[in-house]
Amino acid sequence: MVTQQGWFASHRELPRSSAAESILDDLREGIRSKSLEVGARLPSEQDLARHYGVSRPVVREALRSAQALGLTQTRTGSGTYVISETPRPSQRFGEYSTRDLVESRPAIEVPAARLAALRRSDEQAAALLDICTRMEEERQAREWVRLDSLFHASIAAASGNAVFSSVVADTREALSQQSEIINLVAHRREPSNREHRGIAEAIIRGDADGAARAMQEHLDYVEAVVRPMIDEG
């Protein structure tokens, strides 16, 4: 078995467009294979940056993601330690639990998509398409998550229903955190891009039933990823 020292002994070339995700994947593989054992302290940010040939902010982003998955824990003044061999994401996102979000989103976002197809303005339609294009071209995980939450908030706003818009705005940070976890666990960015464009196109052509159906299907996929997190709770 490769030891921790051996794991970090050889340089690994990373795709420049998604270096933080590639570092996370490398760390996850090291933990999965037990080369990086539970209790082990990882090299410093500076050493990891040198090892992977990236900047410290890129390393910091990867370590933040590893901690979000429950694989590591960064202790102030001490370093980052491996605390689990398997992902154990938090089941709470601010004030809301995973169950809260899974149960409430269909009740809010499906009718919001339906109304958006009937009420959206030309400017709102153009904005939705622009968000879809930007998501498809985005390579940085955190910016993609921000656009994801903006997409859902924009649909709620386009519904013309102040309650839907207010509720989605209130839960936006929690939805962003959940979206980040989903993509770390299931790598759903590309499927989500296709689903988002399908929702947007239905809204733009005024297909209320199609928009509602596309949103429900998207949320069903989301639930399939997070349901194990609920069941384990």
Protein backbone atom coordinates (compact mmCIF):
# COMPACT_ATOMS: atom_id res chain seq x y z
CA MET A 1 0.00 0.00 0.00
CA VAL A 2 1.24 3.49 -0.81
CA THR A 3 1.97 5.50 2.34
CA GLN A 4 1.19 9.18 2.88
CA GLN A 5 4.82 10.03 2.21
CA GLY A 6 4.67 8.01 -0.99
CA TRP A 7 1.37 9.59 -2.04
CA PHE A 8 2.88 13.05 -2.01
CA ALA A 9 6.28 11.95 -3.32
CA SER A 10 5.41 12.19 -7.02
CA HIS A 11 4.14 15.25 -8.84
CA ARG A 12 0.67 15.06 -10.39
CA GLU A 13 -0.32 17.14 -13.43
CA LEU A 14 -3.72 18.75 -12.97
CA PRO A 15 -6.18 20.17 -15.53
CA ARG A 16 -5.74 23.92 -15.19
CA SER A 17 -9.46 24.63 -15.67
CA SER A 18 -10.51 22.68 -12.58
CA ALA A 19 -7.39 22.35 -10.46
CA ALA A 20 -9.19 22.57 -7.11
CA GLU A 21 -11.57 19.75 -8.08
CA SER A 22 -8.66 17.66 -9.34
CA ILE A 23 -6.80 18.14 -6.06
CA LEU A 24 -9.94 17.13 -4.18
CA ASP A 25 -10.29 14.01 -6.34
CA ASP A 26 -6.64 13.13 -5.69
CA LEU A 27 -7.06 13.56 -1.93
CA ARG A 28 -10.26 11.50 -1.99
CA GLU A 29 -8.46 8.69 -3.80
CA GLY A 30 -5.60 8.82 -1.30
CA ILE A 31 -8.08 8.59 1.57
CA ARG A 32 -10.13 5.87 -0.11
CA SER A 33 -7.01 3.75 -0.71
CA LYS A 34 -5.88 4.37 2.89
CA SER A 35 -2.66 5.94 1.71
CA LEU A 36 -3.89 8.97 3.63
CA GLU A 37 -5.15 7.36 6.83
CA VAL A 38 -7.70 8.67 9.28
CA GLY A 39 -5.82 10.78 11.82
CA ALA A 40 -3.05 11.75 9.42
CA ARG A 41 -2.13 15.41 9.12
CA LEU A 42 -1.89 16.64 5.54
CA PRO A 43 1.05 18.74 4.36
CA SER A 44 0.71 22.51 4.77
CA GLU A 45 -1.09 24.63 2.19
CA GLN A 46 2.28 25.88 0.98
CA ASP A 47 3.66 22.36 0.57
CA LEU A 48 0.51 21.15 -1.17
CA ALA A 49 0.61 24.14 -3.52
CA ARG A 50 4.21 23.31 -4.38
CA HIS A 51 3.38 19.62 -4.82
CA TYR A 52 0.44 20.23 -7.17
CA GLY A 53 1.97 23.22 -8.93
CA VAL A 54 -0.91 25.58 -8.08
CA SER A 55 -1.52 28.65 -5.94
CA ARG A 56 -2.40 28.47 -2.26
CA PRO A 57 -5.96 29.78 -2.87
CA VAL A 58 -6.56 26.77 -5.17
CA VAL A 59 -5.33 24.41 -2.45
CA ARG A 60 -7.46 26.24 0.12
CA GLU A 61 -10.54 25.73 -2.07
CA ALA A 62 -9.82 22.00 -2.39
CA LEU A 63 -9.35 21.64 1.37
CA ARG A 64 -12.58 23.56 2.01
CA SER A 65 -14.40 21.09 -0.25
CA ALA A 66 -12.81 18.11 1.51
CA GLN A 67 -13.99 19.49 4.83
CA ALA A 68 -17.49 20.11 3.42
CA LEU A 69 -17.60 16.42 2.53
CA GLY A 70 -16.62 15.49 6.07
CA LEU A 71 -13.35 13.89 4.97
CA THR A 72 -11.00 16.32 6.68
CA GLN A 73 -11.00 18.91 9.41
CA THR A 74 -8.83 22.02 9.53
CA ARG A 75 -7.79 22.95 13.06
CA THR A 76 -6.57 26.48 13.62
CA GLY A 77 -2.87 26.56 14.39
CA SER A 78 -2.52 22.81 13.94
CA GLY A 79 -3.26 21.86 10.33
CA THR A 80 -5.67 19.74 8.31
CA TYR A 81 -6.38 16.17 9.40
CA VAL A 82 -8.13 13.23 7.75
CA ILE A 83 -11.17 12.38 9.88
CA SER A 84 -13.16 9.94 7.72
CA GLU A 85 -12.61 7.47 4.88
CA THR A 86 -16.06 8.07 3.38
CA PRO A 87 -17.88 11.34 2.62
CA ARG A 88 -20.14 12.41 5.49
CA PRO A 89 -21.54 15.79 4.43
CA SER A 90 -23.39 17.95 6.91
CA GLN A 91 -27.14 17.45 6.86
CA ARG A 92 -27.74 21.09 7.74
CA PHE A 93 -27.28 24.17 5.59
CA GLY A 94 -27.66 27.18 7.83
CA GLU A 95 -31.16 27.12 9.31
CA TYR A 96 -32.37 24.32 7.05
CA SER A 97 -31.83 20.57 6.94
CA THR A 98 -31.46 18.42 3.85
CA ARG A 99 -34.94 17.05 4.54
CA ASP A 100 -36.36 20.59 4.79
CA LEU A 101 -35.04 21.48 1.35
CA VAL A 102 -36.00 18.21 -0.35
CA GLU A 103 -39.55 18.39 0.95
CA SER A 104 -40.15 22.08 0.25
CA ARG A 105 -38.49 22.72 -3.10
CA PRO A 106 -41.05 20.88 -5.28
CA ALA A 107 -43.89 22.75 -3.57
CA ILE A 108 -42.26 26.07 -4.39
CA GLU A 109 -40.14 25.72 -7.51
CA VAL A 110 -42.43 23.56 -9.66
CA PRO A 111 -45.39 26.00 -9.55
CA ALA A 112 -42.89 28.89 -9.85
CA ALA A 113 -41.59 27.40 -13.11
CA ARG A 114 -45.15 26.94 -14.34
CA LEU A 115 -46.04 30.58 -13.63
CA ALA A 116 -42.75 31.82 -15.07
CA ALA A 117 -43.66 30.22 -18.40
CA LEU A 118 -46.89 32.25 -18.40
CA ARG A 119 -45.62 35.53 -16.98
CA ARG A 120 -41.93 35.98 -17.80
CA SER A 121 -40.83 39.13 -19.60
CA ASP A 122 -38.53 39.15 -22.63
CA GLU A 123 -35.74 40.47 -20.40
CA GLN A 124 -36.24 37.66 -17.90
CA ALA A 125 -36.24 35.09 -20.69
CA ALA A 126 -32.98 36.46 -22.07
CA ALA A 127 -31.46 36.46 -18.57
CA LEU A 128 -32.33 32.79 -18.03
CA LEU A 129 -30.68 31.81 -21.31
CA ASP A 130 -27.63 33.88 -20.45
CA ILE A 131 -27.30 32.14 -17.07
CA CYS A 132 -27.55 28.74 -18.78
CA THR A 133 -24.80 29.65 -21.23
CA ARG A 134 -22.55 30.99 -18.48
CA MET A 135 -23.08 27.80 -16.43
CA GLU A 136 -22.18 25.63 -19.40
CA GLU A 137 -18.97 27.59 -19.96
CA GLU A 138 -17.99 27.97 -16.29
CA ARG A 139 -15.11 25.84 -15.02
CA GLN A 140 -14.79 27.17 -11.48
CA ALA A 141 -16.94 25.23 -9.03
CA ARG A 142 -17.84 28.08 -6.69
CA GLU A 143 -18.90 30.42 -9.51
CA TRP A 144 -20.99 27.63 -11.04
CA VAL A 145 -22.76 27.15 -7.71
CA ARG A 146 -23.46 30.89 -7.54
CA LEU A 147 -24.97 30.80 -11.03
CA ASP A 148 -27.02 27.76 -10.07
CA SER A 149 -28.67 29.61 -7.20
CA LEU A 150 -29.14 32.68 -9.42
CA PHE A 151 -30.94 30.51 -12.00
CA HIS A 152 -33.48 29.25 -9.48
CA ALA A 153 -33.94 32.69 -7.93
CA SER A 154 -34.51 34.16 -11.39
CA ILE A 155 -37.26 31.65 -12.14
CA ALA A 156 -38.96 32.50 -8.86
CA ALA A 157 -38.75 36.20 -9.73
CA ALA A 158 -40.11 35.54 -13.23
CA SER A 159 -43.12 33.75 -11.71
CA GLY A 160 -44.44 37.11 -10.60
CA ASN A 161 -45.37 35.60 -7.24
CA ALA A 162 -43.80 37.54 -4.37
CA VAL A 163 -44.13 34.63 -1.94
CA PHE A 164 -42.22 32.23 -4.21
CA SER A 165 -39.58 34.86 -4.88
CA SER A 166 -39.18 35.66 -1.18
CA VAL A 167 -38.93 32.03 -0.09
CA VAL A 168 -36.31 31.16 -2.71
CA ALA A 169 -34.33 34.29 -1.80
CA ASP A 170 -34.49 33.33 1.88
CA THR A 171 -33.17 29.83 1.20
CA ARG A 172 -30.68 30.83 -1.49
CA GLU A 173 -27.56 30.41 0.65
CA ALA A 174 -28.74 27.01 1.88
CA LEU A 175 -29.49 25.94 -1.70
CA SER A 176 -26.01 27.04 -2.76
CA GLN A 177 -24.41 24.96 -0.01
CA GLN A 178 -26.53 21.94 -0.93
CA SER A 179 -25.69 22.40 -4.62
CA GLU A 180 -21.99 22.44 -3.78
CA ILE A 181 -22.30 19.16 -1.85
CA ILE A 182 -24.30 17.52 -4.63
CA ASN A 183 -21.62 18.35 -7.18
CA LEU A 184 -18.81 17.21 -4.90
CA VAL A 185 -20.56 13.90 -4.24
CA ALA A 186 -22.14 13.13 -7.60
CA HIS A 187 -20.40 15.39 -10.17
CA ARG A 188 -23.79 16.52 -11.48
CA ARG A 189 -22.68 19.74 -13.11
CA GLU A 190 -23.10 18.66 -16.74
CA PRO A 191 -26.44 16.87 -16.19
CA SER A 192 -27.65 19.91 -14.24
CA ASN A 193 -26.66 22.17 -17.11
CA ARG A 194 -28.81 20.14 -19.50
CA GLU A 195 -31.71 20.11 -17.05
CA HIS A 196 -31.47 23.86 -16.48
CA ARG A 197 -31.50 24.59 -20.18
CA GLY A 198 -34.53 22.35 -20.63
CA ILE A 199 -36.36 24.26 -17.90
CA ALA A 200 -35.38 27.63 -19.40
CA GLU A 201 -36.41 26.66 -22.92
CA ALA A 202 -39.84 25.49 -21.72
CA ILE A 203 -40.31 28.77 -19.86
CA ILE A 204 -39.26 30.79 -22.90
CA ARG A 205 -41.69 29.07 -25.25
CA GLY A 206 -44.52 29.54 -22.75
CA ASP A 207 -44.94 25.81 -22.09
CA ALA A 208 -46.26 25.87 -18.52
CA ASP A 209 -46.74 22.09 -18.23
CA GLY A 210 -43.34 21.43 -19.79
CA ALA A 211 -41.59 23.88 -17.48
CA ALA A 212 -43.23 22.37 -14.40
CA ARG A 213 -42.38 18.84 -15.57
CA ALA A 214 -38.76 19.76 -16.34
CA MET A 215 -38.34 21.39 -12.93
CA GLN A 216 -39.85 18.37 -11.17
CA GLU A 217 -37.51 16.02 -13.02
CA HIS A 218 -34.54 18.17 -12.06
CA LEU A 219 -35.55 18.15 -8.40
CA ASP A 220 -36.12 14.39 -8.55
CA TYR A 221 -32.48 13.95 -9.64
CA VAL A 222 -31.36 16.21 -6.79
CA GLU A 223 -33.36 14.17 -4.29
CA ALA A 224 -31.85 10.93 -5.59
CA VAL A 225 -28.40 12.25 -4.65
CA VAL A 226 -29.29 13.66 -1.22
CA ARG A 227 -31.79 10.98 -0.12
CA PRO A 228 -29.01 8.75 1.34
CA MET A 229 -27.93 11.70 3.46
CA ILE A 230 -31.45 11.92 4.87
CA ASP A 231 -31.75 8.17 5.41
CA GLU A 232 -28.39 8.07 7.23
CA GLY A 233 -29.61 10.82 9.54
